Amino acid sequence: MLVPPRLALLIEEQMEDPGTGYFRRQLDDGTHYLLPGQARGSARNPLGAGALLRSHGLPVLTARNTAMIEAVTDLPPIIVADLFGLHPSTANRWASYANDSWTHYLAARDRQPAAPS
């Protein structure tokens, strides 16, 4: 997976010695989260994780938007909605931002013969 160099460095540091990171020292709860949360056994809040990544100079919003556009160009919006817990209209809006139409997928699906039961 390609990641920005600054993020790669942070991940490598965490992987080399996961037991000595700041958050691990503060919250040594035995979980295996890269960014553990304050609640025992949970991941860090997404807003807090975003703030932490931004403090290291990583473009969080740009990366999120790129990931969403990639997702809706690879999968139908309804699948993306289910995968990411989005409302279907939100996934459709992302598909319109990506300028990707799934009408060809629906047309091909309608042409396939039904599987015998």
N, C-alpha and C. Protein backbone atom coordinates (compact mmCIF):
# COMPACT_ATOMS: atom_id res chain seq x y z
N MET A 1 0.85 -1.16 0.00
CA MET A 1 0.00 0.00 0.00
C MET A 1 0.90 1.24 0.00
N LEU A 2 0.58 2.17 -0.84
CA LEU A 2 1.33 3.42 -0.88
C LEU A 2 0.76 4.40 0.13
N VAL A 3 1.62 4.93 0.97
CA VAL A 3 1.23 5.93 1.95
C VAL A 3 2.22 7.07 1.89
N PRO A 4 1.82 8.25 2.34
CA PRO A 4 2.76 9.37 2.37
C PRO A 4 3.99 9.02 3.21
N PRO A 5 5.17 9.50 2.83
CA PRO A 5 6.40 9.16 3.55
C PRO A 5 6.34 9.45 5.05
N ARG A 6 5.72 10.56 5.43
CA ARG A 6 5.65 10.89 6.86
C ARG A 6 4.80 9.87 7.62
N LEU A 7 3.71 9.42 6.99
CA LEU A 7 2.87 8.41 7.62
C LEU A 7 3.61 7.07 7.67
N ALA A 8 4.33 6.74 6.61
CA ALA A 8 5.10 5.49 6.59
C ALA A 8 6.10 5.46 7.74
N LEU A 9 6.74 6.59 8.00
CA LEU A 9 7.71 6.66 9.09
C LEU A 9 7.03 6.42 10.44
N LEU A 10 5.87 7.04 10.65
CA LEU A 10 5.15 6.85 11.91
C LEU A 10 4.71 5.40 12.08
N ILE A 11 4.25 4.78 11.00
CA ILE A 11 3.82 3.39 11.07
C ILE A 11 5.00 2.47 11.36
N GLU A 12 6.12 2.73 10.68
CA GLU A 12 7.32 1.91 10.92
C GLU A 12 7.78 2.03 12.37
N GLU A 13 7.78 3.23 12.91
CA GLU A 13 8.18 3.41 14.30
C GLU A 13 7.26 2.64 15.24
N GLN A 14 5.97 2.70 14.97
CA GLN A 14 4.99 2.00 15.80
C GLN A 14 5.18 0.49 15.69
N MET A 15 5.45 0.00 14.48
CA MET A 15 5.61 -1.44 14.29
C MET A 15 6.90 -1.96 14.90
N GLU A 16 7.97 -1.15 14.85
CA GLU A 16 9.25 -1.59 15.41
C GLU A 16 9.18 -1.77 16.91
N ASP A 17 8.49 -0.90 17.58
CA ASP A 17 8.42 -0.97 19.03
C ASP A 17 7.06 -0.51 19.52
N PRO A 18 6.02 -1.35 19.32
CA PRO A 18 4.67 -0.92 19.66
C PRO A 18 4.44 -0.71 21.14
N GLY A 19 5.30 -1.22 21.99
CA GLY A 19 5.07 -1.11 23.43
C GLY A 19 5.59 0.16 24.05
N THR A 20 6.29 1.01 23.27
CA THR A 20 6.88 2.20 23.90
C THR A 20 6.30 3.50 23.39
N GLY A 21 5.31 3.46 22.50
CA GLY A 21 4.72 4.69 22.00
C GLY A 21 4.05 5.47 23.12
N TYR A 22 3.87 6.75 22.90
CA TYR A 22 3.27 7.62 23.91
C TYR A 22 1.92 7.08 24.37
N PHE A 23 1.07 6.74 23.41
CA PHE A 23 -0.27 6.28 23.78
C PHE A 23 -0.22 4.92 24.47
N ARG A 24 0.68 4.06 24.03
CA ARG A 24 0.79 2.75 24.66
C ARG A 24 1.24 2.90 26.11
N ARG A 25 2.19 3.79 26.37
CA ARG A 25 2.64 4.01 27.75
C ARG A 25 1.50 4.55 28.60
N GLN A 26 0.71 5.46 28.03
CA GLN A 26 -0.36 6.07 28.80
C GLN A 26 -1.53 5.12 29.02
N LEU A 27 -1.79 4.26 28.05
CA LEU A 27 -3.00 3.44 28.08
C LEU A 27 -2.70 1.97 27.94
N ASP A 28 -1.69 1.48 28.55
CA ASP A 28 -1.24 0.11 28.35
C ASP A 28 -2.36 -0.86 28.70
N ASP A 29 -3.28 -1.04 27.75
CA ASP A 29 -4.43 -1.90 28.00
C ASP A 29 -4.35 -3.21 27.22
N GLY A 30 -3.23 -3.49 26.56
CA GLY A 30 -3.04 -4.75 25.87
C GLY A 30 -3.72 -4.84 24.51
N THR A 31 -4.32 -3.77 24.01
CA THR A 31 -4.96 -3.83 22.70
C THR A 31 -3.89 -3.72 21.62
N HIS A 32 -4.29 -3.97 20.41
CA HIS A 32 -3.35 -3.93 19.30
C HIS A 32 -3.70 -2.80 18.32
N TYR A 33 -4.36 -1.78 18.80
CA TYR A 33 -4.70 -0.65 17.95
C TYR A 33 -3.47 0.20 17.69
N LEU A 34 -3.32 0.66 16.45
CA LEU A 34 -2.24 1.58 16.13
C LEU A 34 -2.44 2.89 16.89
N LEU A 35 -3.69 3.33 16.96
CA LEU A 35 -4.04 4.55 17.70
C LEU A 35 -5.11 4.19 18.74
N PRO A 36 -4.70 3.71 19.91
CA PRO A 36 -5.68 3.32 20.92
C PRO A 36 -6.43 4.53 21.47
N GLY A 37 -7.66 4.28 21.88
CA GLY A 37 -8.48 5.34 22.45
C GLY A 37 -8.35 5.43 23.95
N GLN A 38 -9.05 6.37 24.53
CA GLN A 38 -9.00 6.53 25.99
C GLN A 38 -9.79 5.44 26.69
N ALA A 39 -10.88 5.00 26.06
CA ALA A 39 -11.67 3.91 26.65
C ALA A 39 -10.91 2.60 26.45
N ARG A 40 -10.81 1.84 27.49
CA ARG A 40 -10.05 0.59 27.45
C ARG A 40 -10.56 -0.32 26.33
N GLY A 41 -9.64 -0.81 25.50
CA GLY A 41 -9.97 -1.76 24.44
C GLY A 41 -10.65 -1.15 23.23
N SER A 42 -10.57 0.16 23.04
CA SER A 42 -11.22 0.78 21.89
C SER A 42 -10.21 1.57 21.07
N ALA A 43 -10.57 1.82 19.82
CA ALA A 43 -9.73 2.63 18.95
C ALA A 43 -9.93 4.11 19.28
N ARG A 44 -9.00 4.92 18.83
CA ARG A 44 -9.07 6.36 19.07
C ARG A 44 -10.26 6.95 18.30
N ASN A 45 -10.88 7.97 18.84
CA ASN A 45 -11.97 8.69 18.18
C ASN A 45 -11.47 9.21 16.84
N PRO A 46 -12.27 9.07 15.76
CA PRO A 46 -11.82 9.52 14.44
C PRO A 46 -11.42 11.00 14.41
N LEU A 47 -12.12 11.85 15.15
CA LEU A 47 -11.76 13.27 15.15
C LEU A 47 -10.40 13.48 15.81
N GLY A 48 -10.16 12.77 16.90
CA GLY A 48 -8.87 12.86 17.57
C GLY A 48 -7.75 12.28 16.72
N ALA A 49 -8.05 11.18 16.02
CA ALA A 49 -7.04 10.59 15.13
C ALA A 49 -6.72 11.55 14.00
N GLY A 50 -7.74 12.20 13.46
CA GLY A 50 -7.51 13.18 12.39
C GLY A 50 -6.65 14.34 12.87
N ALA A 51 -6.93 14.82 14.07
CA ALA A 51 -6.13 15.93 14.63
C ALA A 51 -4.68 15.49 14.83
N LEU A 52 -4.49 14.26 15.31
CA LEU A 52 -3.14 13.75 15.52
C LEU A 52 -2.38 13.64 14.18
N LEU A 53 -3.05 13.11 13.16
CA LEU A 53 -2.41 12.99 11.85
C LEU A 53 -2.09 14.36 11.26
N ARG A 54 -3.01 15.32 11.42
CA ARG A 54 -2.75 16.68 10.91
C ARG A 54 -1.58 17.31 11.64
N SER A 55 -1.43 17.01 12.93
CA SER A 55 -0.31 17.58 13.68
C SER A 55 1.03 17.08 13.16
N HIS A 56 1.01 15.96 12.46
CA HIS A 56 2.23 15.42 11.84
C HIS A 56 2.34 15.82 10.36
N GLY A 57 1.47 16.73 9.93
CA GLY A 57 1.53 17.23 8.56
C GLY A 57 0.93 16.31 7.52
N LEU A 58 0.00 15.43 7.92
CA LEU A 58 -0.62 14.51 6.97
C LEU A 58 -1.98 15.05 6.54
N PRO A 59 -2.28 15.06 5.23
CA PRO A 59 -3.52 15.65 4.70
C PRO A 59 -4.72 14.72 4.88
N VAL A 60 -5.36 14.78 6.01
CA VAL A 60 -6.43 13.84 6.35
C VAL A 60 -7.64 13.97 5.43
N LEU A 61 -8.15 15.16 5.26
CA LEU A 61 -9.35 15.35 4.46
C LEU A 61 -9.11 14.98 3.00
N THR A 62 -7.98 15.36 2.46
CA THR A 62 -7.65 15.02 1.08
C THR A 62 -7.58 13.51 0.91
N ALA A 63 -6.95 12.83 1.84
CA ALA A 63 -6.83 11.37 1.76
C ALA A 63 -8.20 10.71 1.87
N ARG A 64 -9.05 11.20 2.77
CA ARG A 64 -10.39 10.64 2.93
C ARG A 64 -11.20 10.81 1.66
N ASN A 65 -11.16 12.01 1.07
CA ASN A 65 -11.92 12.26 -0.14
C ASN A 65 -11.44 11.39 -1.29
N THR A 66 -10.14 11.24 -1.41
CA THR A 66 -9.59 10.39 -2.47
C THR A 66 -10.02 8.95 -2.27
N ALA A 67 -9.98 8.47 -1.03
CA ALA A 67 -10.40 7.10 -0.75
C ALA A 67 -11.87 6.88 -1.07
N MET A 68 -12.71 7.85 -0.74
CA MET A 68 -14.14 7.71 -1.03
C MET A 68 -14.40 7.68 -2.54
N ILE A 69 -13.74 8.55 -3.28
CA ILE A 69 -13.94 8.57 -4.73
C ILE A 69 -13.44 7.26 -5.35
N GLU A 70 -12.30 6.76 -4.87
CA GLU A 70 -11.80 5.47 -5.36
C GLU A 70 -12.79 4.36 -5.05
N ALA A 71 -13.36 4.37 -3.86
CA ALA A 71 -14.30 3.32 -3.47
C ALA A 71 -15.53 3.30 -4.38
N VAL A 72 -16.10 4.48 -4.65
CA VAL A 72 -17.32 4.50 -5.47
C VAL A 72 -17.04 4.29 -6.96
N THR A 73 -15.79 4.41 -7.38
CA THR A 73 -15.49 4.08 -8.78
C THR A 73 -15.21 2.59 -8.93
N ASP A 74 -14.86 1.91 -7.83
CA ASP A 74 -14.59 0.47 -7.89
C ASP A 74 -15.81 -0.38 -7.54
N LEU A 75 -16.72 0.16 -6.75
CA LEU A 75 -17.88 -0.60 -6.27
C LEU A 75 -19.15 0.21 -6.46
N PRO A 76 -20.29 -0.46 -6.58
CA PRO A 76 -21.56 0.28 -6.63
C PRO A 76 -21.77 1.07 -5.34
N PRO A 77 -22.37 2.25 -5.43
CA PRO A 77 -22.58 3.08 -4.24
C PRO A 77 -23.30 2.38 -3.10
N ILE A 78 -24.24 1.50 -3.41
CA ILE A 78 -24.97 0.83 -2.32
C ILE A 78 -24.04 -0.09 -1.53
N ILE A 79 -23.07 -0.69 -2.20
CA ILE A 79 -22.09 -1.54 -1.51
C ILE A 79 -21.18 -0.67 -0.64
N VAL A 80 -20.75 0.47 -1.18
CA VAL A 80 -19.91 1.40 -0.42
C VAL A 80 -20.67 1.89 0.82
N ALA A 81 -21.96 2.17 0.64
CA ALA A 81 -22.77 2.61 1.78
C ALA A 81 -22.78 1.55 2.88
N ASP A 82 -22.96 0.29 2.50
CA ASP A 82 -22.96 -0.79 3.48
C ASP A 82 -21.59 -0.96 4.13
N LEU A 83 -20.53 -0.90 3.34
CA LEU A 83 -19.18 -1.11 3.86
C LEU A 83 -18.77 -0.03 4.86
N PHE A 84 -19.09 1.23 4.54
CA PHE A 84 -18.62 2.34 5.36
C PHE A 84 -19.68 2.90 6.31
N GLY A 85 -20.87 2.30 6.29
CA GLY A 85 -21.92 2.78 7.18
C GLY A 85 -22.48 4.14 6.77
N LEU A 86 -22.50 4.38 5.46
CA LEU A 86 -23.03 5.64 4.94
C LEU A 86 -24.50 5.48 4.56
N HIS A 87 -25.21 6.58 4.52
CA HIS A 87 -26.56 6.56 3.96
C HIS A 87 -26.43 6.36 2.45
N PRO A 88 -27.31 5.58 1.83
CA PRO A 88 -27.20 5.35 0.38
C PRO A 88 -27.14 6.63 -0.45
N SER A 89 -27.88 7.67 -0.04
CA SER A 89 -27.84 8.91 -0.82
C SER A 89 -26.47 9.58 -0.71
N THR A 90 -25.79 9.42 0.41
CA THR A 90 -24.44 9.96 0.56
C THR A 90 -23.48 9.24 -0.38
N ALA A 91 -23.59 7.92 -0.44
CA ALA A 91 -22.74 7.15 -1.36
C ALA A 91 -23.04 7.53 -2.81
N ASN A 92 -24.30 7.75 -3.14
CA ASN A 92 -24.66 8.19 -4.50
C ASN A 92 -24.08 9.57 -4.80
N ARG A 93 -24.08 10.45 -3.81
CA ARG A 93 -23.50 11.77 -4.00
C ARG A 93 -22.00 11.66 -4.28
N TRP A 94 -21.31 10.77 -3.55
CA TRP A 94 -19.88 10.55 -3.82
C TRP A 94 -19.68 10.01 -5.22
N ALA A 95 -20.57 9.13 -5.67
CA ALA A 95 -20.46 8.59 -7.03
C ALA A 95 -20.64 9.70 -8.06
N SER A 96 -21.54 10.65 -7.77
CA SER A 96 -21.71 11.75 -8.71
C SER A 96 -20.49 12.67 -8.71
N TYR A 97 -19.85 12.83 -7.54
CA TYR A 97 -18.60 13.60 -7.50
C TYR A 97 -17.53 12.92 -8.35
N ALA A 98 -17.51 11.60 -8.29
CA ALA A 98 -16.52 10.83 -9.04
C ALA A 98 -16.89 10.79 -10.53
N ASN A 99 -18.10 11.25 -10.85
CA ASN A 99 -18.58 11.26 -12.22
C ASN A 99 -18.60 9.85 -12.79
N ASP A 100 -19.01 8.91 -11.98
CA ASP A 100 -19.03 7.51 -12.38
C ASP A 100 -20.47 7.02 -12.38
N SER A 101 -20.88 6.44 -13.46
CA SER A 101 -22.23 5.92 -13.57
C SER A 101 -22.20 4.40 -13.49
N TRP A 102 -23.12 3.85 -12.72
CA TRP A 102 -23.20 2.40 -12.60
C TRP A 102 -24.30 1.82 -13.46
N THR A 103 -24.80 2.61 -14.42
CA THR A 103 -25.86 2.09 -15.29
C THR A 103 -25.36 0.91 -16.12
N HIS A 104 -24.07 0.93 -16.52
CA HIS A 104 -23.53 -0.20 -17.27
C HIS A 104 -23.53 -1.48 -16.42
N TYR A 105 -23.30 -1.35 -15.14
CA TYR A 105 -23.32 -2.50 -14.24
C TYR A 105 -24.74 -3.06 -14.14
N LEU A 106 -25.70 -2.18 -13.95
CA LEU A 106 -27.09 -2.63 -13.83
C LEU A 106 -27.58 -3.26 -15.13
N ALA A 107 -27.19 -2.68 -16.27
CA ALA A 107 -27.61 -3.24 -17.56
C ALA A 107 -27.01 -4.63 -17.76
N ALA A 108 -25.74 -4.81 -17.41
CA ALA A 108 -25.11 -6.13 -17.56
C ALA A 108 -25.75 -7.14 -16.61
N ARG A 109 -26.12 -6.70 -15.45
CA ARG A 109 -26.74 -7.59 -14.47
C ARG A 109 -28.12 -8.05 -14.95
N ASP A 110 -28.85 -7.14 -15.59
CA ASP A 110 -30.17 -7.49 -16.11
C ASP A 110 -30.08 -8.48 -17.27
N ARG A 111 -28.97 -8.45 -18.01
CA ARG A 111 -28.80 -9.34 -19.17
C ARG A 111 -28.40 -10.75 -18.77
N GLN A 112 -27.87 -10.93 -17.58
CA GLN A 112 -27.43 -12.26 -17.16
C GLN A 112 -28.64 -13.13 -16.84
N PRO A 113 -28.60 -14.39 -17.30
CA PRO A 113 -29.72 -15.29 -16.98
C PRO A 113 -29.72 -15.62 -15.49
N ALA A 114 -30.90 -15.81 -14.95
CA ALA A 114 -31.01 -16.13 -13.53
C ALA A 114 -30.44 -17.53 -13.29
N ALA A 115 -29.77 -17.69 -12.16
CA ALA A 115 -29.18 -18.99 -11.80
C ALA A 115 -30.31 -19.96 -11.45
N PRO A 116 -30.20 -21.21 -11.94
CA PRO A 116 -31.25 -22.19 -11.60
C PRO A 116 -31.22 -22.52 -10.10
N SER A 117 -32.39 -22.70 -9.54
CA SER A 117 -32.43 -23.00 -8.10
C SER A 117 -32.69 -24.44 -7.82
